[in-house]
Amino acid sequence: MAPDRVDPHAPHGGAPLTGVELQRALRARWQASYDLQVVQRRRRLYLQVMWGHLEQQSFPLSAEAYAARLEEVAALLNVMGVASQVRRWLTTTTGRPRLGRALGLALDPPPERAGEFLL
């Protein structure tokens, strides 16, 4: 299985994620507080680790706004039921965000919930 994919047969959900947990995982993996986004591409949902991070002087968010964004992303991931997927991927991915190129995880929400999040 490709490193940017999570086992679709693994259990969904898990304990709820928090913004603080996401930031700790990002810093543990890459020593930086990278920005996160959930995006839709071709009827699939992805969690993207962007190349910009809080420690950059040019980063457009304050520490408080960044924390609020991570809480929003965590809440969305929890509602989608993919917390355990994200946790596992953040601790095992070998990729790294690069300038101009985000690192992405194809999210696999439970089939009965996936339609709620796709346009």
PDB file of N, CA and C in Angstrom:
ATOM      1  N   MET A   1       0.851  -1.173   0.000  1.00  0.00           N
ATOM      2  CA  MET A   1       0.000   0.000   0.000  1.00  0.00           C
ATOM      3  C   MET A   1       0.898   1.237   0.000  1.00  0.00           C
ATOM      4  N   ALA A   2       0.520   2.270  -0.760  1.00  0.00           N
ATOM      5  CA  ALA A   2       1.308   3.500  -0.849  1.00  0.00           C
ATOM      6  C   ALA A   2       1.353   4.185   0.508  1.00  0.00           C
ATOM      7  N   PRO A   3       2.454   4.905   0.834  1.00  0.00           N
ATOM      8  CA  PRO A   3       2.575   5.515   2.154  1.00  0.00           C
ATOM      9  C   PRO A   3       1.566   6.623   2.411  1.00  0.00           C
ATOM     10  N   ASP A   4       0.940   7.194   1.344  1.00  0.00           N
ATOM     11  CA  ASP A   4      -0.020   8.264   1.570  1.00  0.00           C
ATOM     12  C   ASP A   4      -1.448   7.745   1.683  1.00  0.00           C
ATOM     13  N   ARG A   5      -1.612   6.431   1.741  1.00  0.00           N
ATOM     14  CA  ARG A   5      -2.929   5.821   1.894  1.00  0.00           C
ATOM     15  C   ARG A   5      -3.018   5.096   3.232  1.00  0.00           C
ATOM     16  N   VAL A   6      -4.193   5.075   3.782  1.00  0.00           N
ATOM     17  CA  VAL A   6      -4.435   4.374   5.035  1.00  0.00           C
ATOM     18  C   VAL A   6      -5.255   3.142   4.721  1.00  0.00           C
ATOM     19  N   ASP A   7      -5.025   2.079   5.439  1.00  0.00           N
ATOM     20  CA  ASP A   7      -5.753   0.834   5.249  1.00  0.00           C
ATOM     21  C   ASP A   7      -7.254   1.084   5.354  1.00  0.00           C
ATOM     22  N   PRO A   8      -8.018   0.883   4.274  1.00  0.00           N
ATOM     23  CA  PRO A   8      -9.450   1.150   4.326  1.00  0.00           C
ATOM     24  C   PRO A   8     -10.210   0.184   5.215  1.00  0.00           C
ATOM     25  N   HIS A   9      -9.576  -0.916   5.609  1.00  0.00           N
ATOM     26  CA  HIS A   9     -10.246  -1.895   6.466  1.00  0.00           C
ATOM     27  C   HIS A   9      -9.985  -1.650   7.952  1.00  0.00           C
ATOM     28  N   ALA A  10      -9.150  -0.650   8.255  1.00  0.00           N
ATOM     29  CA  ALA A  10      -8.886  -0.320   9.656  1.00  0.00           C
ATOM     30  C   ALA A  10     -10.137   0.300  10.256  1.00  0.00           C
ATOM     31  N   PRO A  11     -10.325   0.175  11.569  1.00  0.00           N
ATOM     32  CA  PRO A  11     -11.515   0.745  12.186  1.00  0.00           C
ATOM     33  C   PRO A  11     -11.543   2.258  12.036  1.00  0.00           C
ATOM     34  N   HIS A  12     -12.732   2.786  11.836  1.00  0.00           N
ATOM     35  CA  HIS A  12     -12.926   4.228  11.694  1.00  0.00           C
ATOM     36  C   HIS A  12     -13.079   4.874  13.067  1.00  0.00           C
ATOM     37  N   GLY A  13     -12.878   6.171  13.085  1.00  0.00           N
ATOM     38  CA  GLY A  13     -13.143   6.928  14.304  1.00  0.00           C
ATOM     39  C   GLY A  13     -11.991   6.941  15.258  1.00  0.00           C
ATOM     40  N   GLY A  14     -12.196   6.374  16.430  1.00  0.00           N
ATOM     41  CA  GLY A  14     -11.198   6.438  17.486  1.00  0.00           C
ATOM     42  C   GLY A  14     -11.521   7.603  18.393  1.00  0.00           C
ATOM     43  N   ALA A  15     -10.651   7.832  19.362  1.00  0.00           N
ATOM     44  CA  ALA A  15     -10.848   8.964  20.273  1.00  0.00           C
ATOM     45  C   ALA A  15     -10.805  10.261  19.474  1.00  0.00           C
ATOM     46  N   PRO A  16     -11.587  11.244  19.880  1.00  0.00           N
ATOM     47  CA  PRO A  16     -11.607  12.510  19.132  1.00  0.00           C
ATOM     48  C   PRO A  16     -10.230  13.186  19.114  1.00  0.00           C
ATOM     49  N   LEU A  17      -9.909  13.756  17.971  1.00  0.00           N
ATOM     50  CA  LEU A  17      -8.698  14.560  17.824  1.00  0.00           C
ATOM     51  C   LEU A  17      -8.932  15.945  18.411  1.00  0.00           C
ATOM     52  N   THR A  18      -7.865  16.600  18.817  1.00  0.00           N
ATOM     53  CA  THR A  18      -7.936  18.006  19.226  1.00  0.00           C
ATOM     54  C   THR A  18      -6.910  18.777  18.412  1.00  0.00           C
ATOM     55  N   GLY A  19      -7.068  20.070  18.370  1.00  0.00           N
ATOM     56  CA  GLY A  19      -6.097  20.909  17.692  1.00  0.00           C
ATOM     57  C   GLY A  19      -4.724  20.815  18.327  1.00  0.00           C
ATOM     58  N   VAL A  20      -4.690  20.730  19.647  1.00  0.00           N
ATOM     59  CA  VAL A  20      -3.410  20.608  20.365  1.00  0.00           C
ATOM     60  C   VAL A  20      -2.718  19.308  19.975  1.00  0.00           C
ATOM     61  N   GLU A  21      -3.475  18.217  19.893  1.00  0.00           N
ATOM     62  CA  GLU A  21      -2.890  16.935  19.496  1.00  0.00           C
ATOM     63  C   GLU A  21      -2.343  17.003  18.070  1.00  0.00           C
ATOM     64  N   LEU A  22      -3.085  17.646  17.164  1.00  0.00           N
ATOM     65  CA  LEU A  22      -2.609  17.784  15.795  1.00  0.00           C
ATOM     66  C   LEU A  22      -1.299  18.568  15.748  1.00  0.00           C
ATOM     67  N   GLN A  23      -1.244  19.682  16.477  1.00  0.00           N
ATOM     68  CA  GLN A  23      -0.018  20.482  16.465  1.00  0.00           C
ATOM     69  C   GLN A  23       1.160  19.685  17.047  1.00  0.00           C
ATOM     70  N   ARG A  24       0.925  18.965  18.116  1.00  0.00           N
ATOM     71  CA  ARG A  24       1.995  18.139  18.699  1.00  0.00           C
ATOM     72  C   ARG A  24       2.480  17.083  17.713  1.00  0.00           C
ATOM     73  N   ALA A  25       1.548  16.457  17.003  1.00  0.00           N
ATOM     74  CA  ALA A  25       1.914  15.433  16.021  1.00  0.00           C
ATOM     75  C   ALA A  25       2.724  16.040  14.875  1.00  0.00           C
ATOM     76  N   LEU A  26       2.322  17.211  14.423  1.00  0.00           N
ATOM     77  CA  LEU A  26       3.054  17.893  13.352  1.00  0.00           C
ATOM     78  C   LEU A  26       4.471  18.239  13.795  1.00  0.00           C
ATOM     79  N   ARG A  27       4.595  18.776  15.001  1.00  0.00           N
ATOM     80  CA  ARG A  27       5.912  19.155  15.517  1.00  0.00           C
ATOM     81  C   ARG A  27       6.781  17.924  15.779  1.00  0.00           C
ATOM     82  N   ALA A  28       6.178  16.844  16.236  1.00  0.00           N
ATOM     83  CA  ALA A  28       6.945  15.617  16.481  1.00  0.00           C
ATOM     84  C   ALA A  28       7.453  15.025  15.163  1.00  0.00           C
ATOM     85  N   ARG A  29       6.644  15.085  14.127  1.00  0.00           N
ATOM     86  CA  ARG A  29       7.009  14.488  12.843  1.00  0.00           C
ATOM     87  C   ARG A  29       7.978  15.373  12.061  1.00  0.00           C
ATOM     88  N   TRP A  30       7.714  16.684  12.005  1.00  0.00           N
ATOM     89  CA  TRP A  30       8.491  17.555  11.111  1.00  0.00           C
ATOM     90  C   TRP A  30       9.147  18.752  11.809  1.00  0.00           C
ATOM     91  N   GLN A  31       9.063  18.834  13.130  1.00  0.00           N
ATOM     92  CA  GLN A  31       9.654  19.928  13.908  1.00  0.00           C
ATOM     93  C   GLN A  31       9.130  21.295  13.473  1.00  0.00           C
ATOM     94  N   ALA A  32       7.884  21.329  12.990  1.00  0.00           N
ATOM     95  CA  ALA A  32       7.250  22.586  12.595  1.00  0.00           C
ATOM     96  C   ALA A  32       5.734  22.438  12.706  1.00  0.00           C
ATOM     97  N   SER A  33       5.062  23.534  12.966  1.00  0.00           N
ATOM     98  CA  SER A  33       3.600  23.556  13.093  1.00  0.00           C
ATOM     99  C   SER A  33       2.994  23.905  11.737  1.00  0.00           C
ATOM    100  N   TYR A  34       2.927  22.914  10.852  1.00  0.00           N
ATOM    101  CA  TYR A  34       2.417  23.137   9.498  1.00  0.00           C
ATOM    102  C   TYR A  34       0.928  23.403   9.504  1.00  0.00           C
ATOM    103  N   ASP A  35       0.492  24.153   8.496  1.00  0.00           N
ATOM    104  CA  ASP A  35      -0.913  24.433   8.290  1.00  0.00           C
ATOM    105  C   ASP A  35      -1.589  23.180   7.727  1.00  0.00           C
ATOM    106  N   LEU A  36      -2.831  22.941   8.105  1.00  0.00           N
ATOM    107  CA  LEU A  36      -3.613  21.803   7.622  1.00  0.00           C
ATOM    108  C   LEU A  36      -4.864  22.299   6.916  1.00  0.00           C
ATOM    109  N   GLN A  37      -5.268  21.580   5.879  1.00  0.00           N
ATOM    110  CA  GLN A  37      -6.515  21.870   5.173  1.00  0.00           C
ATOM    111  C   GLN A  37      -7.186  20.562   4.794  1.00  0.00           C
ATOM    112  N   VAL A  38      -8.511  20.562   4.798  1.00  0.00           N
ATOM    113  CA  VAL A  38      -9.271  19.445   4.251  1.00  0.00           C
ATOM    114  C   VAL A  38      -9.817  19.935   2.916  1.00  0.00           C
ATOM    115  N   VAL A  39      -9.520  19.189   1.842  1.00  0.00           N
ATOM    116  CA  VAL A  39      -9.937  19.597   0.503  1.00  0.00           C
ATOM    117  C   VAL A  39     -10.617  18.438  -0.209  1.00  0.00           C
ATOM    118  N   GLN A  40     -11.422  18.805  -1.201  1.00  0.00           N
ATOM    119  CA  GLN A  40     -12.079  17.812  -2.044  1.00  0.00           C
ATOM    120  C   GLN A  40     -11.485  17.898  -3.438  1.00  0.00           C
ATOM    121  N   ARG A  41     -11.086  16.762  -3.973  1.00  0.00           N
ATOM    122  CA  ARG A  41     -10.571  16.665  -5.343  1.00  0.00           C
ATOM    123  C   ARG A  41     -11.161  15.401  -5.968  1.00  0.00           C
ATOM    124  N   ARG A  42     -11.815  15.562  -7.116  1.00  0.00           N
ATOM    125  CA  ARG A  42     -12.363  14.417  -7.851  1.00  0.00           C
ATOM    126  C   ARG A  42     -13.176  13.472  -6.967  1.00  0.00           C
ATOM    127  N   ARG A  43     -14.115  14.036  -6.258  1.00  0.00           N
ATOM    128  CA  ARG A  43     -15.031  13.257  -5.403  1.00  0.00           C
ATOM    129  C   ARG A  43     -14.313  12.468  -4.314  1.00  0.00           C
ATOM    130  N   ARG A  44     -13.129  12.938  -3.892  1.00  0.00           N
ATOM    131  CA  ARG A  44     -12.387  12.358  -2.771  1.00  0.00           C
ATOM    132  C   ARG A  44     -12.043  13.468  -1.808  1.00  0.00           C
ATOM    133  N   LEU A  45     -11.928  13.132  -0.541  1.00  0.00           N
ATOM    134  CA  LEU A  45     -11.518  14.090   0.480  1.00  0.00           C
ATOM    135  C   LEU A  45     -10.086  13.803   0.890  1.00  0.00           C
ATOM    136  N   TYR A  46      -9.327  14.873   1.103  1.00  0.00           N
ATOM    137  CA  TYR A  46      -7.918  14.760   1.482  1.00  0.00           C
ATOM    138  C   TYR A  46      -7.617  15.690   2.647  1.00  0.00           C
ATOM    139  N   LEU A  47      -6.762  15.248   3.527  1.00  0.00           N
ATOM    140  CA  LEU A  47      -6.156  16.119   4.524  1.00  0.00           C
ATOM    141  C   LEU A  47      -4.814  16.509   3.936  1.00  0.00           C
ATOM    142  N   GLN A  48      -4.577  17.807   3.800  1.00  0.00           N
ATOM    143  CA  GLN A  48      -3.315  18.269   3.246  1.00  0.00           C
ATOM    144  C   GLN A  48      -2.500  18.982   4.312  1.00  0.00           C
ATOM    145  N   VAL A  49      -1.240  18.598   4.398  1.00  0.00           N
ATOM    146  CA  VAL A  49      -0.271  19.292   5.231  1.00  0.00           C
ATOM    147  C   VAL A  49       0.410  20.280   4.295  1.00  0.00           C
ATOM    148  N   MET A  50       0.153  21.556   4.517  1.00  0.00           N
ATOM    149  CA  MET A  50       0.672  22.594   3.641  1.00  0.00           C
ATOM    150  C   MET A  50       2.139  22.880   3.961  1.00  0.00           C
ATOM    151  N   TRP A  51       2.800  23.597   3.098  1.00  0.00           N
ATOM    152  CA  TRP A  51       4.229  23.881   3.290  1.00  0.00           C
ATOM    153  C   TRP A  51       4.478  25.051   4.236  1.00  0.00           C
ATOM    154  N   GLY A  52       3.490  25.921   4.437  1.00  0.00           N
ATOM    155  CA  GLY A  52       3.652  27.038   5.363  1.00  0.00           C
ATOM    156  C   GLY A  52       3.483  26.575   6.801  1.00  0.00           C
ATOM    157  N   HIS A  53       4.225  27.186   7.719  1.00  0.00           N
ATOM    158  CA  HIS A  53       4.090  26.794   9.120  1.00  0.00           C
ATOM    159  C   HIS A  53       4.203  27.998  10.046  1.00  0.00           C
ATOM    160  N   LEU A  54       3.679  27.821  11.236  1.00  0.00           N
ATOM    161  CA  LEU A  54       3.574  28.882  12.237  1.00  0.00           C
ATOM    162  C   LEU A  54       4.923  29.515  12.567  1.00  0.00           C
ATOM    163  N   GLU A  55       5.979  28.754  12.518  1.00  0.00           N
ATOM    164  CA  GLU A  55       7.294  29.265  12.896  1.00  0.00           C
ATOM    165  C   GLU A  55       7.916  30.172  11.829  1.00  0.00           C
ATOM    166  N   GLN A  56       7.311  30.242  10.642  1.00  0.00           N
ATOM    167  CA  GLN A  56       7.805  31.126   9.588  1.00  0.00           C
ATOM    168  C   GLN A  56       7.400  32.565   9.885  1.00  0.00           C
ATOM    169  N   GLN A  57       8.290  33.480   9.655  1.00  0.00           N
ATOM    170  CA  GLN A  57       7.980  34.887   9.868  1.00  0.00           C
ATOM    171  C   GLN A  57       6.850  35.348   8.945  1.00  0.00           C
ATOM    172  N   SER A  58       6.768  34.787   7.739  1.00  0.00           N
ATOM    173  CA  SER A  58       5.766  35.204   6.761  1.00  0.00           C
ATOM    174  C   SER A  58       4.426  34.471   6.906  1.00  0.00           C
ATOM    175  N   PHE A  59       4.295  33.573   7.877  1.00  0.00           N
ATOM    176  CA  PHE A  59       3.052  32.818   8.042  1.00  0.00           C
ATOM    177  C   PHE A  59       1.921  33.796   8.343  1.00  0.00           C
ATOM    178  N   PRO A  60       0.782  33.698   7.636  1.00  0.00           N
ATOM    179  CA  PRO A  60      -0.262  34.722   7.748  1.00  0.00           C
ATOM    180  C   PRO A  60      -1.142  34.661   8.998  1.00  0.00           C
ATOM    181  N   LEU A  61      -1.026  33.625   9.812  1.00  0.00           N
ATOM    182  CA  LEU A  61      -1.889  33.498  10.987  1.00  0.00           C
ATOM    183  C   LEU A  61      -1.114  33.750  12.269  1.00  0.00           C
ATOM    184  N   SER A  62      -1.796  34.325  13.249  1.00  0.00           N
ATOM    185  CA  SER A  62      -1.213  34.446  14.588  1.00  0.00           C
ATOM    186  C   SER A  62      -1.279  33.074  15.254  1.00  0.00           C
ATOM    187  N   ALA A  63      -0.604  32.917  16.360  1.00  0.00           N
ATOM    188  CA  ALA A  63      -0.644  31.652  17.092  1.00  0.00           C
ATOM    189  C   ALA A  63      -2.077  31.301  17.490  1.00  0.00           C
ATOM    190  N   GLU A  64      -2.843  32.296  17.878  1.00  0.00           N
ATOM    191  CA  GLU A  64      -4.237  32.068  18.299  1.00  0.00           C
ATOM    192  C   GLU A  64      -5.098  31.652  17.106  1.00  0.00           C
ATOM    193  N   ALA A  65      -4.935  32.320  15.962  1.00  0.00           N
ATOM    194  CA  ALA A  65      -5.714  31.978  14.770  1.00  0.00           C
ATOM    195  C   ALA A  65      -5.328  30.588  14.256  1.00  0.00           C
ATOM    196  N   TYR A  66      -4.047  30.256  14.337  1.00  0.00           N
ATOM    197  CA  TYR A  66      -3.581  28.932  13.932  1.00  0.00           C
ATOM    198  C   TYR A  66      -4.204  27.860  14.831  1.00  0.00           C
ATOM    199  N   ALA A  67      -4.205  28.083  16.137  1.00  0.00           N
ATOM    200  CA  ALA A  67      -4.800  27.124  17.074  1.00  0.00           C
ATOM    201  C   ALA A  67      -6.288  26.942  16.775  1.00  0.00           C
ATOM    202  N   ALA A  68      -6.980  28.036  16.470  1.00  0.00           N
ATOM    203  CA  ALA A  68      -8.408  27.959  16.147  1.00  0.00           C
ATOM    204  C   ALA A  68      -8.617  27.169  14.854  1.00  0.00           C
ATOM    205  N   ARG A  69      -7.758  27.366  13.854  1.00  0.00           N
ATOM    206  CA  ARG A  69      -7.875  26.619  12.599  1.00  0.00           C
ATOM    207  C   ARG A  69      -7.689  25.124  12.855  1.00  0.00           C
ATOM    208  N   LEU A  70      -6.688  24.762  13.663  1.00  0.00           N
ATOM    209  CA  LEU A  70      -6.461  23.345  13.951  1.00  0.00           C
ATOM    210  C   LEU A  70      -7.645  22.735  14.697  1.00  0.00           C
ATOM    211  N   GLU A  71      -8.260  23.495  15.603  1.00  0.00           N
ATOM    212  CA  GLU A  71      -9.452  22.988  16.295  1.00  0.00           C
ATOM    213  C   GLU A  71     -10.592  22.738  15.308  1.00  0.00           C
ATOM    214  N   GLU A  72     -10.759  23.633  14.325  1.00  0.00           N
ATOM    215  CA  GLU A  72     -11.793  23.452  13.305  1.00  0.00           C
ATOM    216  C   GLU A  72     -11.506  22.210  12.459  1.00  0.00           C
ATOM    217  N   VAL A  73     -10.269  22.043  12.040  1.00  0.00           N
ATOM    218  CA  VAL A  73      -9.889  20.867  11.247  1.00  0.00           C
ATOM    219  C   VAL A  73     -10.100  19.594  12.064  1.00  0.00           C
ATOM    220  N   ALA A  74      -9.691  19.608  13.322  1.00  0.00           N
ATOM    221  CA  ALA A  74      -9.872  18.441  14.189  1.00  0.00           C
ATOM    222  C   ALA A  74     -11.350  18.104  14.335  1.00  0.00           C
ATOM    223  N   ALA A  75     -12.188  19.111  14.534  1.00  0.00           N
ATOM    224  CA  ALA A  75     -13.624  18.873  14.676  1.00  0.00           C
ATOM    225  C   ALA A  75     -14.196  18.247  13.402  1.00  0.00           C
ATOM    226  N   LEU A  76     -13.786  18.741  12.245  1.00  0.00           N
ATOM    227  CA  LEU A  76     -14.256  18.188  10.981  1.00  0.00           C
ATOM    228  C   LEU A  76     -13.802  16.738  10.817  1.00  0.00           C
ATOM    229  N   LEU A  77     -12.550  16.456  11.124  1.00  0.00           N
ATOM    230  CA  LEU A  77     -12.038  15.090  11.024  1.00  0.00           C
ATOM    231  C   LEU A  77     -12.779  14.150  11.969  1.00  0.00           C
ATOM    232  N   ASN A  78     -13.114  14.649  13.157  1.00  0.00           N
ATOM    233  CA  ASN A  78     -13.873  13.841  14.119  1.00  0.00           C
ATOM    234  C   ASN A  78     -15.270  13.534  13.596  1.00  0.00           C
ATOM    235  N   VAL A  79     -15.948  14.530  13.040  1.00  0.00           N
ATOM    236  CA  VAL A  79     -17.294  14.328  12.500  1.00  0.00           C
ATOM    237  C   VAL A  79     -17.255  13.339  11.336  1.00  0.00           C
ATOM    238  N   MET A  80     -16.187  13.391  10.552  1.00  0.00           N
ATOM    239  CA  MET A  80     -16.037  12.481   9.415  1.00  0.00           C
ATOM    240  C   MET A  80     -15.718  11.059   9.868  1.00  0.00           C
ATOM    241  N   GLY A  81     -15.274  10.881  11.099  1.00  0.00           N
ATOM    242  CA  GLY A  81     -14.951   9.556  11.608  1.00  0.00           C
ATOM    243  C   GLY A  81     -13.595   9.037  11.158  1.00  0.00           C
ATOM    244  N   VAL A  82     -12.636   9.951  10.930  1.00  0.00           N
ATOM    245  CA  VAL A  82     -11.323   9.537  10.419  1.00  0.00           C
ATOM    246  C   VAL A  82     -10.184   9.861  11.386  1.00  0.00           C
ATOM    247  N   ALA A  83     -10.488  10.100  12.635  1.00  0.00           N
ATOM    248  CA  ALA A  83      -9.465  10.484  13.615  1.00  0.00           C
ATOM    249  C   ALA A  83      -8.340   9.453  13.697  1.00  0.00           C
ATOM    250  N   SER A  84      -8.682   8.165  13.761  1.00  0.00           N
ATOM    251  CA  SER A  84      -7.639   7.146  13.887  1.00  0.00           C
ATOM    252  C   SER A  84      -6.793   7.060  12.621  1.00  0.00           C
ATOM    253  N   GLN A  85      -7.390   7.260  11.457  1.00  0.00           N
ATOM    254  CA  GLN A  85      -6.633   7.277  10.201  1.00  0.00           C
ATOM    255  C   GLN A  85      -5.582   8.381  10.222  1.00  0.00           C
ATOM    256  N   VAL A  86      -6.027   9.564  10.621  1.00  0.00           N
ATOM    257  CA  VAL A  86      -5.139  10.724  10.641  1.00  0.00           C
ATOM    258  C   VAL A  86      -4.020  10.526  11.654  1.00  0.00           C
ATOM    259  N   ARG A  87      -4.370  10.068  12.841  1.00  0.00           N
ATOM    260  CA  ARG A  87      -3.370   9.808  13.884  1.00  0.00           C
ATOM    261  C   ARG A  87      -2.292   8.848  13.385  1.00  0.00           C
ATOM    262  N   ARG A  88      -2.732   7.753  12.821  1.00  0.00           N
ATOM    263  CA  ARG A  88      -1.806   6.725  12.339  1.00  0.00           C
ATOM    264  C   ARG A  88      -0.916   7.285  11.225  1.00  0.00           C
ATOM    265  N   TRP A  89      -1.504   8.011  10.293  1.00  0.00           N
ATOM    266  CA  TRP A  89      -0.749   8.561   9.173  1.00  0.00           C
ATOM    267  C   TRP A  89       0.280   9.590   9.636  1.00  0.00           C
ATOM    268  N   LEU A  90      -0.117  10.455  10.575  1.00  0.00           N
ATOM    269  CA  LEU A  90       0.818  11.479  11.051  1.00  0.00           C
ATOM    270  C   LEU A  90       2.023  10.865  11.769  1.00  0.00           C
ATOM    271  N   THR A  91       1.872   9.674  12.290  1.00  0.00           N
ATOM    272  CA  THR A  91       3.008   9.044  12.970  1.00  0.00           C
ATOM    273  C   THR A  91       3.804   8.104  12.074  1.00  0.00           C
ATOM    274  N   THR A  92       3.288   7.786  10.883  1.00  0.00           N
ATOM    275  CA  THR A  92       3.970   6.813  10.038  1.00  0.00           C
ATOM    276  C   THR A  92       4.390   7.325   8.666  1.00  0.00           C
ATOM    277  N   THR A  93       3.842   8.430   8.213  1.00  0.00           N
ATOM    278  CA  THR A  93       4.166   8.895   6.863  1.00  0.00           C
ATOM    279  C   THR A  93       5.651   9.212   6.738  1.00  0.00           C
ATOM    280  N   THR A  94       6.193   8.877   5.597  1.00  0.00           N
ATOM    281  CA  THR A  94       7.603   9.172   5.343  1.00  0.00           C
ATOM    282  C   THR A  94       7.756  10.421   4.491  1.00  0.00           C
ATOM    283  N   GLY A  95       6.638  10.948   3.988  1.00  0.00           N
ATOM    284  CA  GLY A  95       6.678  12.149   3.170  1.00  0.00           C
ATOM    285  C   GLY A  95       6.949  13.394   4.001  1.00  0.00           C
ATOM    286  N   ARG A  96       7.157  14.497   3.278  1.00  0.00           N
ATOM    287  CA  ARG A  96       7.422  15.779   3.924  1.00  0.00           C
ATOM    288  C   ARG A  96       6.850  16.872   3.037  1.00  0.00           C
ATOM    289  N   PRO A  97       6.148  17.850   3.630  1.00  0.00           N
ATOM    290  CA  PRO A  97       5.673  18.963   2.799  1.00  0.00           C
ATOM    291  C   PRO A  97       6.866  19.731   2.229  1.00  0.00           C
ATOM    292  N   ARG A  98       6.769  20.140   0.995  1.00  0.00           N
ATOM    293  CA  ARG A  98       7.831  20.900   0.315  1.00  0.00           C
ATOM    294  C   ARG A  98       7.247  22.228  -0.156  1.00  0.00           C
ATOM    295  N   LEU A  99       8.080  23.200  -0.327  1.00  0.00           N
ATOM    296  CA  LEU A  99       7.640  24.517  -0.791  1.00  0.00           C
ATOM    297  C   LEU A  99       6.820  24.364  -2.069  1.00  0.00           C
ATOM    298  N   GLY A 100       5.585  24.830  -2.024  1.00  0.00           N
ATOM    299  CA  GLY A 100       4.702  24.752  -3.173  1.00  0.00           C
ATOM    300  C   GLY A 100       4.045  23.400  -3.386  1.00  0.00           C
ATOM    301  N   ARG A 101       4.304  22.434  -2.513  1.00  0.00           N
ATOM    302  CA  ARG A 101       3.738  21.086  -2.678  1.00  0.00           C
ATOM    303  C   ARG A 101       3.304  20.542  -1.317  1.00  0.00           C
ATOM    304  N   ALA A 102       1.989  20.408  -1.177  1.00  0.00           N
ATOM    305  CA  ALA A 102       1.433  19.883   0.064  1.00  0.00           C
ATOM    306  C   ALA A 102       1.594  18.369   0.105  1.00  0.00           C
ATOM    307  N   LEU A 103       1.548  17.842   1.305  1.00  0.00           N
ATOM    308  CA  LEU A 103       1.556  16.393   1.527  1.00  0.00           C
ATOM    309  C   LEU A 103       0.118  15.997   1.837  1.00  0.00           C
ATOM    310  N   GLY A 104      -0.408  14.995   1.144  1.00  0.00           N
ATOM    311  CA  GLY A 104      -1.822  14.688   1.307  1.00  0.00           C
ATOM    312  C   GLY A 104      -2.117  13.273   1.748  1.00  0.00           C
ATOM    313  N   LEU A 105      -3.172  13.151   2.536  1.00  0.00           N
ATOM    314  CA  LEU A 105      -3.713  11.870   2.974  1.00  0.00           C
ATOM    315  C   LEU A 105      -5.109  11.737   2.382  1.00  0.00           C
ATOM    316  N   ALA A 106      -5.354  10.700   1.594  1.00  0.00           N
ATOM    317  CA  ALA A 106      -6.694  10.420   1.087  1.00  0.00           C
ATOM    318  C   ALA A 106      -7.532   9.894   2.248  1.00  0.00           C
ATOM    319  N   LEU A 107      -8.540  10.646   2.637  1.00  0.00           N
ATOM    320  CA  LEU A 107      -9.386  10.262   3.768  1.00  0.00           C
ATOM    321  C   LEU A 107     -10.400   9.219   3.322  1.00  0.00           C
ATOM    322  N   ASP A 108     -10.724   8.337   4.223  1.00  0.00           N
ATOM    323  CA  ASP A 108     -11.646   7.244   3.936  1.00  0.00           C
ATOM    324  C   ASP A 108     -12.758   7.233   4.983  1.00  0.00           C
ATOM    325  N   PRO A 109     -13.694   8.204   4.889  1.00  0.00           N
ATOM    326  CA  PRO A 109     -14.782   8.199   5.866  1.00  0.00           C
ATOM    327  C   PRO A 109     -15.705   7.002   5.640  1.00  0.00           C
ATOM    328  N   PRO A 110     -16.429   6.607   6.671  1.00  0.00           N
ATOM    329  CA  PRO A 110     -17.375   5.496   6.501  1.00  0.00           C
ATOM    330  C   PRO A 110     -18.320   5.807   5.342  1.00  0.00           C
ATOM    331  N   PRO A 111     -18.641   4.823   4.512  1.00  0.00           N
ATOM    332  CA  PRO A 111     -19.461   5.064   3.321  1.00  0.00           C
ATOM    333  C   PRO A 111     -20.784   5.780   3.618  1.00  0.00           C
ATOM    334  N   GLU A 112     -21.379   5.469   4.752  1.00  0.00           N
ATOM    335  CA  GLU A 112     -22.671   6.100   5.077  1.00  0.00           C
ATOM    336  C   GLU A 112     -22.527   7.579   5.416  1.00  0.00           C
ATOM    337  N   ARG A 113     -21.299   8.043   5.672  1.00  0.00           N
ATOM    338  CA  ARG A 113     -21.070   9.445   6.014  1.00  0.00           C
ATOM    339  C   ARG A 113     -20.404  10.232   4.886  1.00  0.00           C
ATOM    340  N   ALA A 114     -19.752   9.543   3.963  1.00  0.00           N
ATOM    341  CA  ALA A 114     -18.952  10.213   2.929  1.00  0.00           C
ATOM    342  C   ALA A 114     -19.765  11.229   2.126  1.00  0.00           C
ATOM    343  N   GLY A 115     -20.984  10.902   1.769  1.00  0.00           N
ATOM    344  CA  GLY A 115     -21.814  11.799   0.973  1.00  0.00           C
ATOM    345  C   GLY A 115     -22.106  13.123   1.644  1.00  0.00           C
ATOM    346  N   GLU A 116     -22.061  13.169   2.961  1.00  0.00           N
ATOM    347  CA  GLU A 116     -22.324  14.404   3.702  1.00  0.00           C
ATOM    348  C   GLU A 116     -21.260  15.463   3.444  1.00  0.00           C
ATOM    349  N   PHE A 117     -20.058  15.031   3.050  1.00  0.00           N
ATOM    350  CA  PHE A 117     -18.937  15.943   2.946  1.00  0.00           C
ATOM    351  C   PHE A 117     -18.529  16.257   1.525  1.00  0.00           C
ATOM    352  N   LEU A 118     -19.139  15.593   0.545  1.00  0.00           N
ATOM    353  CA  LEU A 118     -18.798  15.808  -0.848  1.00  0.00           C
ATOM    354  C   LEU A 118     -19.830  16.681  -1.522  1.00  0.00           C
ATOM    355  N   LEU A 119     -19.360  17.581  -2.361  1.00  0.00           N
ATOM    356  CA  LEU A 119     -20.269  18.447  -3.120  1.00  0.00           C
ATOM    357  C   LEU A 119     -20.548  17.859  -4.480  1.00  0.00           C
TER     358      LEU A 119
END
